[in-house]
Structure formats: C-alpha cells, structure tokens
C-alpha atoms as a PDB file:
ATOM      1  CA  MET A   1       3.726 -50.025 -35.478  1.00  0.00           C
ATOM      2  CA  ASP A   2       1.455 -47.039 -34.869  1.00  0.00           C
ATOM      3  CA  VAL A   3       2.857 -43.937 -33.233  1.00  0.00           C
ATOM      4  CA  VAL A   4       1.420 -43.418 -29.764  1.00  0.00           C
ATOM      5  CA  PRO A   5      -0.162 -39.995 -29.128  1.00  0.00           C
ATOM      6  CA  ALA A   6       1.983 -38.173 -26.598  1.00  0.00           C
ATOM      7  CA  THR A   7      -0.789 -37.341 -24.148  1.00  0.00           C
ATOM      8  CA  PRO A   8       0.273 -36.170 -20.666  1.00  0.00           C
ATOM      9  CA  LYS A   9      -1.298 -39.234 -19.041  1.00  0.00           C
ATOM     10  CA  THR A  10       0.488 -41.579 -21.441  1.00  0.00           C
ATOM     11  CA  ILE A  11       3.854 -39.878 -20.955  1.00  0.00           C
ATOM     12  CA  ALA A  12       3.546 -39.881 -17.162  1.00  0.00           C
ATOM     13  CA  LEU A  13       2.566 -43.553 -17.082  1.00  0.00           C
ATOM     14  CA  TYR A  14       5.245 -44.453 -19.616  1.00  0.00           C
ATOM     15  CA  GLU A  15       7.904 -42.794 -17.457  1.00  0.00           C
ATOM     16  CA  ARG A  16       6.676 -44.576 -14.328  1.00  0.00           C
ATOM     17  CA  LEU A  17       6.774 -47.935 -16.101  1.00  0.00           C
ATOM     18  CA  ARG A  18      10.177 -47.202 -17.602  1.00  0.00           C
ATOM     19  CA  ASP A  19      11.549 -46.372 -14.154  1.00  0.00           C
ATOM     20  CA  ALA A  20      10.035 -49.558 -12.755  1.00  0.00           C
ATOM     21  CA  LEU A  21      11.779 -51.563 -15.473  1.00  0.00           C
ATOM     22  CA  ALA A  22      15.084 -49.773 -14.835  1.00  0.00           C
ATOM     23  CA  GLU A  23      14.828 -50.558 -11.129  1.00  0.00           C
ATOM     24  CA  GLU A  24      14.060 -54.186 -11.988  1.00  0.00           C
ATOM     25  CA  GLU A  25      10.643 -54.230 -10.379  1.00  0.00           C
ATOM     26  CA  PHE A  26       9.859 -56.411 -13.394  1.00  0.00           C
ATOM     27  CA  LEU A  27      12.645 -58.915 -14.034  1.00  0.00           C
ATOM     28  CA  PRO A  28      13.829 -59.843 -17.550  1.00  0.00           C
ATOM     29  CA  GLY A  29      11.573 -62.488 -19.053  1.00  0.00           C
ATOM     30  CA  THR A  30       8.577 -61.508 -16.914  1.00  0.00           C
ATOM     31  CA  ARG A  31       5.255 -61.520 -18.743  1.00  0.00           C
ATOM     32  CA  ILE A  32       3.484 -58.146 -18.679  1.00  0.00           C
ATOM     33  CA  SER A  33      -0.150 -58.230 -17.549  1.00  0.00           C
ATOM     34  CA  GLU A  34      -2.297 -55.266 -18.584  1.00  0.00           C
ATOM     35  CA  VAL A  35      -4.838 -56.157 -15.902  1.00  0.00           C
ATOM     36  CA  ASP A  36      -2.186 -56.120 -13.163  1.00  0.00           C
ATOM     37  CA  LEU A  37      -0.785 -52.818 -14.409  1.00  0.00           C
ATOM     38  CA  CYS A  38      -4.248 -51.248 -14.481  1.00  0.00           C
ATOM     39  CA  SER A  39      -4.734 -52.256 -10.867  1.00  0.00           C
ATOM     40  CA  ARG A  40      -1.264 -51.174  -9.789  1.00  0.00           C
ATOM     41  CA  PHE A  41      -1.407 -47.711 -11.379  1.00  0.00           C
ATOM     42  CA  GLU A  42      -5.170 -47.240 -11.028  1.00  0.00           C
ATOM     43  CA  VAL A  43      -5.767 -46.371 -14.673  1.00  0.00           C
ATOM     44  CA  SER A  44      -7.804 -47.785 -17.537  1.00  0.00           C
ATOM     45  CA  ARG A  45      -6.408 -50.080 -20.206  1.00  0.00           C
ATOM     46  CA  THR A  46      -6.097 -47.356 -22.850  1.00  0.00           C
ATOM     47  CA  PRO A  47      -3.204 -45.400 -21.273  1.00  0.00           C
ATOM     48  CA  ILE A  48      -1.585 -48.694 -20.223  1.00  0.00           C
ATOM     49  CA  ARG A  49      -1.654 -49.964 -23.798  1.00  0.00           C
ATOM     50  CA  GLU A  50      -0.318 -46.663 -25.137  1.00  0.00           C
ATOM     51  CA  ALA A  51       2.523 -46.691 -22.613  1.00  0.00           C
ATOM     52  CA  LEU A  52       3.355 -50.320 -23.438  1.00  0.00           C
ATOM     53  CA  VAL A  53       3.576 -49.494 -27.142  1.00  0.00           C
ATOM     54  CA  ARG A  54       6.116 -46.783 -26.330  1.00  0.00           C
ATOM     55  CA  LEU A  55       8.118 -49.201 -24.164  1.00  0.00           C
ATOM     56  CA  GLU A  56       8.054 -51.728 -26.988  1.00  0.00           C
ATOM     57  CA  GLN A  57       9.323 -49.049 -29.369  1.00  0.00           C
ATOM     58  CA  ASP A  58      12.125 -48.348 -26.893  1.00  0.00           C
ATOM     59  CA  GLY A  59      13.105 -52.007 -26.903  1.00  0.00           C
ATOM     60  CA  LEU A  60      12.434 -52.449 -23.186  1.00  0.00           C
ATOM     61  CA  ILE A  61       9.706 -55.017 -23.703  1.00  0.00           C
ATOM     62  CA  GLU A  62       9.061 -57.415 -26.566  1.00  0.00           C
ATOM     63  CA  ARG A  63       6.099 -59.173 -28.088  1.00  0.00           C
ATOM     64  CA  ARG A  64       5.958 -62.956 -28.288  1.00  0.00           C
ATOM     65  CA  GLY A  65       2.796 -63.901 -30.083  1.00  0.00           C
ATOM     66  CA  SER A  66       0.024 -61.944 -28.386  1.00  0.00           C
ATOM     67  CA  ALA A  67       1.890 -61.489 -25.082  1.00  0.00           C
ATOM     68  CA  LEU A  68       4.430 -58.900 -23.936  1.00  0.00           C
ATOM     69  CA  TYR A  69       7.545 -59.709 -21.914  1.00  0.00           C
ATOM     70  CA  VAL A  70      10.346 -57.718 -20.289  1.00  0.00           C
ATOM     71  CA  ARG A  71      13.242 -57.894 -22.694  1.00  0.00           C
ATOM     72  CA  ASP A  72      16.609 -59.298 -21.659  1.00  0.00           C
ATOM     73  CA  ARG A  73      19.421 -58.004 -23.867  1.00  0.00           C
ATOM     74  CA  THR A  74      22.336 -60.100 -25.066  1.00  0.00           C
ATOM     75  CA  ALA A  75      25.927 -59.029 -24.489  1.00  0.00           C
ATOM     76  CA  ASP A  76      26.288 -58.118 -28.166  1.00  0.00           C
ATOM     77  CA  GLU A  77      23.169 -55.938 -28.076  1.00  0.00           C
ATOM     78  CA  THR A  78      24.429 -54.118 -24.999  1.00  0.00           C
ATOM     79  CA  ILE A  79      27.791 -53.429 -26.633  1.00  0.00           C
ATOM     80  CA  ASP A  80      26.018 -52.122 -29.739  1.00  0.00           C
ATOM     81  CA  ILE A  81      23.981 -49.731 -27.594  1.00  0.00           C
ATOM     82  CA  TYR A  82      27.143 -48.341 -26.039  1.00  0.00           C
ATOM     83  CA  ARG A  83      28.743 -47.894 -29.442  1.00  0.00           C
ATOM     84  CA  VAL A  84      25.765 -45.847 -30.593  1.00  0.00           C
ATOM     85  CA  ARG A  85      25.904 -43.813 -27.384  1.00  0.00           C
ATOM     86  CA  VAL A  86      29.514 -42.867 -28.184  1.00  0.00           C
ATOM     87  CA  TYR A  87      28.403 -41.100 -31.368  1.00  0.00           C
ATOM     88  CA  LEU A  88      25.285 -39.727 -29.720  1.00  0.00           C
ATOM     89  CA  GLU A  89      27.137 -38.143 -26.812  1.00  0.00           C
ATOM     90  CA  GLY A  90      29.501 -36.390 -29.181  1.00  0.00           C
ATOM     91  CA  ALA A  91      26.570 -34.977 -31.151  1.00  0.00           C
ATOM     92  CA  ILE A  92      24.818 -33.808 -27.983  1.00  0.00           C
ATOM     93  CA  ALA A  93      27.964 -32.076 -26.732  1.00  0.00           C
ATOM     94  CA  PHE A  94      28.484 -30.406 -30.124  1.00  0.00           C
ATOM     95  CA  ASP A  95      24.953 -28.987 -30.224  1.00  0.00           C
ATOM     96  CA  ALA A  96      25.123 -27.964 -26.566  1.00  0.00           C
ATOM     97  CA  ALA A  97      28.234 -25.888 -27.266  1.00  0.00           C
ATOM     98  CA  HIS A  98      26.432 -24.131 -30.114  1.00  0.00           C
ATOM     99  CA  ARG A  99      23.039 -23.657 -28.509  1.00  0.00           C
ATOM    100  CA  ARG A 100      23.513 -23.454 -24.726  1.00  0.00           C
ATOM    101  CA  SER A 101      21.999 -20.605 -22.772  1.00  0.00           C
ATOM    102  CA  GLU A 102      23.241 -19.079 -19.530  1.00  0.00           C
ATOM    103  CA  THR A 103      20.564 -21.077 -17.719  1.00  0.00           C
ATOM    104  CA  ASP A 104      21.889 -24.274 -19.295  1.00  0.00           C
ATOM    105  CA  LEU A 105      25.371 -23.449 -18.015  1.00  0.00           C
ATOM    106  CA  MET A 106      24.034 -22.949 -14.497  1.00  0.00           C
ATOM    107  CA  ARG A 107      22.223 -26.295 -14.591  1.00  0.00           C
ATOM    108  CA  LEU A 108      25.294 -28.074 -15.901  1.00  0.00           C
ATOM    109  CA  GLY A 109      27.478 -26.422 -13.290  1.00  0.00           C
ATOM    110  CA  SER A 110      25.111 -27.420 -10.511  1.00  0.00           C
ATOM    111  CA  ALA A 111      24.959 -31.031 -11.717  1.00  0.00           C
ATOM    112  CA  ALA A 112      28.746 -31.183 -12.028  1.00  0.00           C
ATOM    113  CA  ALA A 113      29.173 -29.808  -8.490  1.00  0.00           C
ATOM    114  CA  ILE A 114      26.865 -32.467  -7.063  1.00  0.00           C
ATOM    115  CA  GLY A 115      28.938 -35.119  -8.801  1.00  0.00           C
ATOM    116  CA  GLU A 116      32.173 -33.728  -7.385  1.00  0.00           C
ATOM    117  CA  LYS A 117      30.808 -34.008  -3.852  1.00  0.00           C
ATOM    118  CA  LEU A 118      30.288 -37.741  -4.370  1.00  0.00           C
ATOM    119  CA  THR A 119      33.952 -38.420  -5.075  1.00  0.00           C
ATOM    120  CA  GLY A 120      34.906 -41.314  -2.852  1.00  0.00           C
ATOM    121  CA  SER A 121      31.327 -42.552  -2.543  1.00  0.00           C
ATOM    122  CA  GLU A 122      30.708 -46.244  -2.963  1.00  0.00           C
ATOM    123  CA  ASP A 123      26.952 -45.973  -3.456  1.00  0.00           C
ATOM    124  CA  PRO A 124      26.251 -46.991  -7.084  1.00  0.00           C
ATOM    125  CA  ALA A 125      22.711 -45.589  -6.979  1.00  0.00           C
ATOM    126  CA  MET A 126      23.941 -42.148  -5.939  1.00  0.00           C
ATOM    127  CA  LEU A 127      26.657 -42.148  -8.583  1.00  0.00           C
ATOM    128  CA  GLN A 128      24.179 -43.171 -11.273  1.00  0.00           C
ATOM    129  CA  ALA A 129      21.685 -40.517 -10.211  1.00  0.00           C
ATOM    130  CA  ALA A 130      24.298 -37.748 -10.267  1.00  0.00           C
ATOM    131  CA  ASN A 131      25.680 -38.893 -13.603  1.00  0.00           C
ATOM    132  CA  LYS A 132      22.185 -39.099 -15.077  1.00  0.00           C
ATOM    133  CA  ALA A 133      21.400 -35.567 -13.892  1.00  0.00           C
ATOM    134  CA  PHE A 134      24.514 -34.179 -15.584  1.00  0.00           C
ATOM    135  CA  HIS A 135      23.842 -35.934 -18.879  1.00  0.00           C
ATOM    136  CA  GLN A 136      20.195 -34.911 -18.845  1.00  0.00           C
ATOM    137  CA  ALA A 137      21.279 -31.298 -18.332  1.00  0.00           C
ATOM    138  CA  LEU A 138      23.756 -31.732 -21.173  1.00  0.00           C
ATOM    139  CA  ALA A 139      21.086 -33.097 -23.498  1.00  0.00           C
ATOM    140  CA  ALA A 140      18.714 -30.283 -22.546  1.00  0.00           C
ATOM    141  CA  ALA A 141      21.471 -27.760 -23.371  1.00  0.00           C
ATOM    142  CA  SER A 142      21.649 -29.178 -26.907  1.00  0.00           C
ATOM    143  CA  HIS A 143      18.092 -27.927 -27.539  1.00  0.00           C
ATOM    144  CA  ASN A 144      17.734 -30.858 -29.942  1.00  0.00           C
ATOM    145  CA  GLN A 145      14.650 -32.895 -29.093  1.00  0.00           C
ATOM    146  CA  THR A 146      15.635 -35.790 -31.357  1.00  0.00           C
ATOM    147  CA  LEU A 147      18.964 -36.215 -29.573  1.00  0.00           C
ATOM    148  CA  GLN A 148      17.252 -35.924 -26.182  1.00  0.00           C
ATOM    149  CA  ASP A 149      14.743 -38.636 -27.096  1.00  0.00           C
ATOM    150  CA  LEU A 150      17.478 -40.963 -28.337  1.00  0.00           C
ATOM    151  CA  GLN A 151      19.551 -40.401 -25.198  1.00  0.00           C
ATOM    152  CA  SER A 152      16.565 -41.139 -22.972  1.00  0.00           C
ATOM    153  CA  ARG A 153      15.732 -44.357 -24.816  1.00  0.00           C
ATOM    154  CA  LEU A 154      19.259 -45.719 -24.907  1.00  0.00           C
ATOM    155  CA  THR A 155      19.915 -44.815 -21.275  1.00  0.00           C
ATOM    156  CA  ALA A 156      16.776 -46.688 -20.255  1.00  0.00           C
ATOM    157  CA  GLN A 157      17.959 -49.780 -22.131  1.00  0.00           C
ATOM    158  CA  VAL A 158      21.162 -50.057 -20.092  1.00  0.00           C
ATOM    159  CA  ALA A 159      19.874 -48.683 -16.785  1.00  0.00           C
ATOM    160  CA  LYS A 160      18.960 -52.134 -15.487  1.00  0.00           C
ATOM    161  CA  LEU A 161      22.339 -53.761 -16.111  1.00  0.00           C
ATOM    162  CA  PRO A 162      23.643 -55.588 -13.014  1.00  0.00           C
ATOM    163  CA  SER A 163      26.650 -53.304 -12.500  1.00  0.00           C
ATOM    164  CA  THR A 164      27.540 -49.700 -13.288  1.00  0.00           C
ATOM    165  CA  THR A 165      30.662 -48.546 -15.114  1.00  0.00           C
ATOM    166  CA  LEU A 166      30.869 -45.687 -12.613  1.00  0.00           C
ATOM    167  CA  SER A 167      31.911 -48.082  -9.822  1.00  0.00           C
ATOM    168  CA  PHE A 168      34.886 -49.347 -11.833  1.00  0.00           C
ATOM    169  CA  PRO A 169      38.161 -48.397 -10.073  1.00  0.00           C
ATOM    170  CA  GLY A 170      39.108 -44.831 -10.934  1.00  0.00           C
ATOM    171  CA  ARG A 171      36.174 -44.254 -13.259  1.00  0.00           C
ATOM    172  CA  TRP A 172      34.194 -41.807 -11.123  1.00  0.00           C
ATOM    173  CA  ALA A 173      37.154 -39.477 -10.604  1.00  0.00           C
ATOM    174  CA  ALA A 174      37.943 -39.606 -14.318  1.00  0.00           C
ATOM    175  CA  SER A 175      34.297 -39.019 -15.188  1.00  0.00           C
ATOM    176  CA  ILE A 176      34.085 -35.948 -12.947  1.00  0.00           C
ATOM    177  CA  HIS A 177      37.220 -34.526 -14.568  1.00  0.00           C
ATOM    178  CA  GLU A 178      35.739 -35.127 -18.024  1.00  0.00           C
ATOM    179  CA  HIS A 179      32.490 -33.448 -16.991  1.00  0.00           C
ATOM    180  CA  GLY A 180      34.485 -30.392 -15.958  1.00  0.00           C
ATOM    181  CA  GLU A 181      36.382 -30.270 -19.245  1.00  0.00           C
ATOM    182  CA  LEU A 182      33.164 -30.702 -21.179  1.00  0.00           C
ATOM    183  CA  LEU A 183      31.438 -27.938 -19.244  1.00  0.00           C
ATOM    184  CA  GLU A 184      34.311 -25.544 -19.998  1.00  0.00           C
ATOM    185  CA  ALA A 185      34.251 -26.368 -23.727  1.00  0.00           C
ATOM    186  CA  ILE A 186      30.523 -25.729 -23.786  1.00  0.00           C
ATOM    187  CA  ARG A 187      30.921 -22.512 -21.828  1.00  0.00           C
ATOM    188  CA  ILE A 188      33.378 -21.061 -24.367  1.00  0.00           C
ATOM    189  CA  GLN A 189      31.324 -22.581 -27.214  1.00  0.00           C
ATOM    190  CA  ASP A 190      34.163 -24.695 -28.621  1.00  0.00           C
ATOM    191  CA  ALA A 191      31.876 -27.184 -30.353  1.00  0.00           C
ATOM    192  CA  GLU A 192      34.576 -29.404 -31.830  1.00  0.00           C
ATOM    193  CA  ARG A 193      36.356 -29.659 -28.491  1.00  0.00           C
ATOM    194  CA  ALA A 194      33.057 -30.465 -26.794  1.00  0.00           C
ATOM    195  CA  ARG A 195      32.327 -33.165 -29.353  1.00  0.00           C
ATOM    196  CA  ALA A 196      35.753 -34.746 -28.846  1.00  0.00           C
ATOM    197  CA  ILE A 197      35.410 -34.753 -25.053  1.00  0.00           C
ATOM    198  CA  GLY A 198      31.852 -36.085 -25.171  1.00  0.00           C
ATOM    199  CA  THR A 199      32.855 -38.855 -27.564  1.00  0.00           C
ATOM    200  CA  GLU A 200      35.881 -39.922 -25.527  1.00  0.00           C
ATOM    201  CA  HIS A 201      33.889 -39.697 -22.295  1.00  0.00           C
ATOM    202  CA  MET A 202      31.331 -42.215 -23.519  1.00  0.00           C
ATOM    203  CA  ASN A 203      33.964 -44.332 -25.252  1.00  0.00           C
ATOM    204  CA  ALA A 204      35.674 -44.803 -21.887  1.00  0.00           C
ATOM    205  CA  ALA A 205      32.359 -45.983 -20.423  1.00  0.00           C
ATOM    206  CA  ALA A 206      31.877 -48.350 -23.364  1.00  0.00           C
ATOM    207  CA  GLU A 207      35.310 -49.915 -22.872  1.00  0.00           C
ATOM    208  CA  ILE A 208      34.588 -50.492 -19.188  1.00  0.00           C
ATOM    209  CA  ARG A 209      31.201 -52.011 -20.034  1.00  0.00           C
ATOM    210  CA  ILE A 210      32.915 -54.468 -22.390  1.00  0.00           C
ATOM    211  CA  LYS A 211      35.291 -55.460 -19.563  1.00  0.00           C
ATOM    212  CA  LEU A 212      32.342 -55.962 -17.186  1.00  0.00           C
ATOM    213  CA  ILE A 213      30.516 -58.075 -19.746  1.00  0.00           C
ATOM    214  CA  ALA A 214      33.613 -60.215 -20.302  1.00  0.00           C
ATOM    215  CA  ARG A 215      33.983 -60.663 -16.543  1.00  0.00           C
ATOM    216  CA  GLU A 216      30.336 -61.709 -16.210  1.00  0.00           C
ATOM    217  CA  LEU A 217      30.683 -64.205 -19.062  1.00  0.00           C
ATOM    218  CA  ASP A 218      33.790 -65.709 -17.428  1.00  0.00           C
ATOM    219  CA  ILE A 219      31.900 -66.101 -14.139  1.00  0.00           C
ATOM    220  CA  ARG A 220      28.987 -67.816 -15.899  1.00  0.00           C
ATOM    221  CA  GLN A 221      31.295 -70.174 -17.772  1.00  0.00           C
ATOM    222  CA  ALA A 222      33.164 -71.020 -14.603  1.00  0.00           C
ATOM    223  CA  GLY A 223      29.862 -71.741 -12.855  1.00  0.00           C
ATOM    224  CA  ALA A 224      28.676 -73.920 -15.701  1.00  0.00           C
ATOM    225  CA  GLY A 225      31.871 -75.938 -15.594  1.00  0.00           C
ATOM    226  CA  ALA A 226      31.840 -76.410 -11.827  1.00  0.00           C
END
C-alpha cells in the first residue's frame, strides 16, 4: 500500500473522518461512499482518497473487493489491541520521564487536575475526553513521534467500543490516582518507575476490557438462546 503524503488538507480531513468513525457516525459494516464524503466535507476526491488510505492503514476501514467498509473488530482483535497498548504505554511513560520539559509537566498537571474534578461523574464522554487529554499530553512529553502515532492509531481503534473501561466501578478513582503517581515519576525523571506505572495502568484497563467483552458475549448468547 502506498504511503499517503501528509499534506495539511489530508491530515485535517483524516482527523475529521477518524473522529466521525469514533463517534459512530458511520456504523460498523457501513459502506463508504467517496461521492457522499466529497459532498459532506465539500472537498474533491483526491484528499478524500488520501484520507481513506490512512484510515485503511489504521485498520478503521477495510477493503472488500473494490469497496470500502467501516471495520467491525472481533473480541479477540480488541483484546490484542489492548495487550499492545500495555507495552506501548510503558514505553511512552519511560521516554516521557527521560525527555519531558517543564512545559510538558505543566500540561500533564493541568490534564490531571481536570480529571480529578470529574471524580464522581457518571458522564462517560467527559471521562473519556479527560483521559484522552492526559494520555495525549503524556505521549507528547515522550517527544517520540513513532510512539505518538502508534498511540493515536490504537486509541482510534477502540474509541468506538460500546462501553468505556473508565465507567467500571472504582476505575476512574484508581485511574486518577495512577495518573498522579505517573506524573510524579515523570517529574523526578524516574524512567523505570514511570514505565512500571504506565504498564500497570494500561494493564488494569485491559483486564476490565476483557471483563466487559465477556459480559457482552454472555448477553448475546443469552439473547440467542431466548
């Protein structure tokens, strides 16, 4: 597959389409129409095609013959993504501890403070937004573009799951505590400590995701047997 030139127009359109997929404006299995997208975003086919290639590379859409469809991931694929994110988050935290600037620390502190204010909130969208902001600030602090790109792609692949691990009982409070510990390790530049916290932080999310998947499968099986 050819690499898509990272033109500003392509990147902007790609991000808009990726957000639309994450917010399920296009449901899994939906066929993608270039003509409809051109009309919707008021652009020519060239940037649409370039953006779609990037989305295909991300695994958000898939090609079936000559047509493109919104991809629907299996339970096993979702679990695999979370397992990769465990290693990735540890690597990001490690590099952030080594490379962070004072500005990075301020951004991380601000994102962590916003998250703390949401303790007790039951709004999944707000929790996800605050969590995303913290992890984006963390990735930026790593000053490792490869890790940032991987984080962005993998996050996009699980963003449209029907439930969030952050709403699991006790998870948000635990997550906020872990963010605080991670921020402190990065502040004092204890890279190994940061890696351990980052790894365990995402591992906890992965374990909850597995529980949610198992619950969903049980519900489907019960419905099928009714």
